[in-house]
Amino acid sequence: MIGGPTRIDGVSPNPQLSPEKSHGKSPEKKEEVLTKDQVTVSETAKEISRLTLEVSNIPDIRADKVEELKNAINSGTYEVRGSEIAGKIIKEALIDKLA
């Protein structure tokens, strides 16, 4: 509402937009429809989840191998074959280069 050239008052509510006053009726309440969320997991996803859990339970370090090597070193029976080590180094380098 404008009260003069320098005065502007707040906006008056539009009676047509007020639901309480439309035809003397109270607004109708809409029925709420309750739905359930549902997720379907494929067999492949279940298998991947199971395998992921199984792999996460495998230790990063094979304690049995470490113990075996430790005992061999301590007893002096551990043999290092230079050709075998060189072959593995070359193999790893080639794999890294191709990847």
C-alpha atoms as a PDB file:
ATOM      1  CA  MET A   1       0.000   0.000   0.000  1.00  0.00           C
ATOM      2  CA  ILE A   2       1.341   3.401  -0.927  1.00  0.00           C
ATOM      3  CA  GLY A   3       0.598   6.184   1.547  1.00  0.00           C
ATOM      4  CA  GLY A   4       2.065   9.065  -0.452  1.00  0.00           C
ATOM      5  CA  PRO A   5       4.952   9.859  -2.772  1.00  0.00           C
ATOM      6  CA  THR A   6       7.566   9.054  -0.096  1.00  0.00           C
ATOM      7  CA  ARG A   7       5.773   6.451   2.006  1.00  0.00           C
ATOM      8  CA  ILE A   8       5.367   2.769   1.168  1.00  0.00           C
ATOM      9  CA  ASP A   9       3.739   0.469   3.712  1.00  0.00           C
ATOM     10  CA  GLY A  10       3.910  -3.311   3.847  1.00  0.00           C
ATOM     11  CA  VAL A  11       2.107  -5.517   1.381  1.00  0.00           C
ATOM     12  CA  SER A  12      -1.475  -6.391   2.240  1.00  0.00           C
ATOM     13  CA  PRO A  13      -2.397 -10.053   1.948  1.00  0.00           C
ATOM     14  CA  ASN A  14      -4.431 -10.931  -1.117  1.00  0.00           C
ATOM     15  CA  PRO A  15      -7.808 -12.222   0.073  1.00  0.00           C
ATOM     16  CA  GLN A  16      -8.124 -14.426  -3.014  1.00  0.00           C
ATOM     17  CA  LEU A  17      -4.985 -16.341  -2.043  1.00  0.00           C
ATOM     18  CA  SER A  18      -6.006 -16.973   1.540  1.00  0.00           C
ATOM     19  CA  PRO A  19      -7.429 -20.546   1.649  1.00  0.00           C
ATOM     20  CA  GLU A  20      -9.275 -20.004   4.937  1.00  0.00           C
ATOM     21  CA  LYS A  21     -11.447 -17.298   3.448  1.00  0.00           C
ATOM     22  CA  SER A  22     -12.237 -18.980   0.151  1.00  0.00           C
ATOM     23  CA  HIS A  23     -15.933 -19.767   0.185  1.00  0.00           C
ATOM     24  CA  GLY A  24     -15.991 -20.098   3.967  1.00  0.00           C
ATOM     25  CA  LYS A  25     -14.469 -23.587   3.835  1.00  0.00           C
ATOM     26  CA  SER A  26     -11.396 -24.788   5.615  1.00  0.00           C
ATOM     27  CA  PRO A  27      -8.744 -26.166   3.330  1.00  0.00           C
ATOM     28  CA  GLU A  28      -9.020 -29.849   2.553  1.00  0.00           C
ATOM     29  CA  LYS A  29      -6.256 -31.978   3.930  1.00  0.00           C
ATOM     30  CA  LYS A  30      -4.600 -34.165   1.373  1.00  0.00           C
ATOM     31  CA  GLU A  31      -4.127 -37.784   2.235  1.00  0.00           C
ATOM     32  CA  GLU A  32      -0.531 -38.719   2.795  1.00  0.00           C
ATOM     33  CA  VAL A  33       0.574 -41.798   0.981  1.00  0.00           C
ATOM     34  CA  LEU A  34       3.310 -43.605   2.835  1.00  0.00           C
ATOM     35  CA  THR A  35       5.685 -45.509   0.648  1.00  0.00           C
ATOM     36  CA  LYS A  36       8.486 -47.806   1.644  1.00  0.00           C
ATOM     37  CA  ASP A  37      11.935 -47.431   0.180  1.00  0.00           C
ATOM     38  CA  GLN A  38      13.137 -50.637  -1.345  1.00  0.00           C
ATOM     39  CA  VAL A  39      16.531 -51.671  -2.649  1.00  0.00           C
ATOM     40  CA  THR A  40      17.232 -54.729  -4.732  1.00  0.00           C
ATOM     41  CA  VAL A  41      20.806 -55.965  -4.762  1.00  0.00           C
ATOM     42  CA  SER A  42      21.893 -58.183  -7.634  1.00  0.00           C
ATOM     43  CA  GLU A  43      23.552 -61.541  -7.072  1.00  0.00           C
ATOM     44  CA  THR A  44      26.730 -60.162  -8.630  1.00  0.00           C
ATOM     45  CA  ALA A  45      26.807 -57.281  -6.137  1.00  0.00           C
ATOM     46  CA  LYS A  46      26.252 -59.716  -3.260  1.00  0.00           C
ATOM     47  CA  GLU A  47      29.116 -61.897  -4.498  1.00  0.00           C
ATOM     48  CA  ILE A  48      31.420 -58.873  -4.868  1.00  0.00           C
ATOM     49  CA  SER A  49      30.557 -57.766  -1.346  1.00  0.00           C
ATOM     50  CA  ARG A  50      31.235 -61.248   0.045  1.00  0.00           C
ATOM     51  CA  LEU A  51      34.566 -61.537  -1.780  1.00  0.00           C
ATOM     52  CA  THR A  52      35.625 -58.044  -0.714  1.00  0.00           C
ATOM     53  CA  LEU A  53      34.991 -58.966   2.910  1.00  0.00           C
ATOM     54  CA  GLU A  54      36.850 -62.252   2.482  1.00  0.00           C
ATOM     55  CA  VAL A  55      39.867 -60.548   0.896  1.00  0.00           C
ATOM     56  CA  SER A  56      39.954 -57.884   3.605  1.00  0.00           C
ATOM     57  CA  ASN A  57      40.359 -60.659   6.187  1.00  0.00           C
ATOM     58  CA  ILE A  58      43.491 -62.020   4.484  1.00  0.00           C
ATOM     59  CA  PRO A  59      46.618 -60.629   6.150  1.00  0.00           C
ATOM     60  CA  ASP A  60      48.978 -58.528   4.030  1.00  0.00           C
ATOM     61  CA  ILE A  61      51.971 -60.366   5.466  1.00  0.00           C
ATOM     62  CA  ARG A  62      52.159 -64.139   5.329  1.00  0.00           C
ATOM     63  CA  ALA A  63      53.440 -64.840   8.820  1.00  0.00           C
ATOM     64  CA  ASP A  64      54.186 -68.487   7.991  1.00  0.00           C
ATOM     65  CA  LYS A  65      56.524 -67.495   5.136  1.00  0.00           C
ATOM     66  CA  VAL A  66      58.216 -64.822   7.241  1.00  0.00           C
ATOM     67  CA  GLU A  67      58.803 -67.312  10.049  1.00  0.00           C
ATOM     68  CA  GLU A  68      60.144 -69.924   7.607  1.00  0.00           C
ATOM     69  CA  LEU A  69      62.614 -67.444   6.079  1.00  0.00           C
ATOM     70  CA  LYS A  70      63.619 -66.137   9.497  1.00  0.00           C
ATOM     71  CA  ASN A  71      64.431 -69.652  10.676  1.00  0.00           C
ATOM     72  CA  ALA A  72      66.404 -70.417   7.492  1.00  0.00           C
ATOM     73  CA  ILE A  73      68.452 -67.216   7.846  1.00  0.00           C
ATOM     74  CA  ASN A  74      69.122 -67.805  11.558  1.00  0.00           C
ATOM     75  CA  SER A  75      70.180 -71.407  10.979  1.00  0.00           C
ATOM     76  CA  GLY A  76      72.375 -70.503   7.996  1.00  0.00           C
ATOM     77  CA  THR A  77      70.435 -72.665   5.543  1.00  0.00           C
ATOM     78  CA  TYR A  78      68.981 -69.799   3.498  1.00  0.00           C
ATOM     79  CA  GLU A  79      70.490 -69.787   0.029  1.00  0.00           C
ATOM     80  CA  VAL A  80      70.347 -66.771  -2.239  1.00  0.00           C
ATOM     81  CA  ARG A  81      70.446 -67.561  -5.942  1.00  0.00           C
ATOM     82  CA  GLY A  82      71.593 -64.497  -7.856  1.00  0.00           C
ATOM     83  CA  SER A  83      70.185 -65.692 -11.180  1.00  0.00           C
ATOM     84  CA  GLU A  84      66.741 -66.220  -9.652  1.00  0.00           C
ATOM     85  CA  ILE A  85      66.735 -62.750  -8.087  1.00  0.00           C
ATOM     86  CA  ALA A  86      67.944 -61.148 -11.337  1.00  0.00           C
ATOM     87  CA  GLY A  87      65.211 -62.930 -13.289  1.00  0.00           C
ATOM     88  CA  LYS A  88      62.531 -61.665 -10.912  1.00  0.00           C
ATOM     89  CA  ILE A  89      63.886 -58.108 -11.084  1.00  0.00           C
ATOM     90  CA  ILE A  90      63.795 -58.193 -14.901  1.00  0.00           C
ATOM     91  CA  LYS A  91      60.296 -59.715 -14.890  1.00  0.00           C
ATOM     92  CA  GLU A  92      58.974 -56.998 -12.548  1.00  0.00           C
ATOM     93  CA  ALA A  93      60.628 -54.268 -14.640  1.00  0.00           C
ATOM     94  CA  LEU A  94      58.994 -55.590 -17.816  1.00  0.00           C
ATOM     95  CA  ILE A  95      55.594 -55.839 -16.141  1.00  0.00           C
ATOM     96  CA  ASP A  96      55.922 -52.260 -14.861  1.00  0.00           C
ATOM     97  CA  LYS A  97      56.955 -51.054 -18.317  1.00  0.00           C
ATOM     98  CA  LEU A  98      53.978 -52.738 -20.007  1.00  0.00           C
ATOM     99  CA  ALA A  99      51.467 -51.514 -17.436  1.00  0.00           C
END
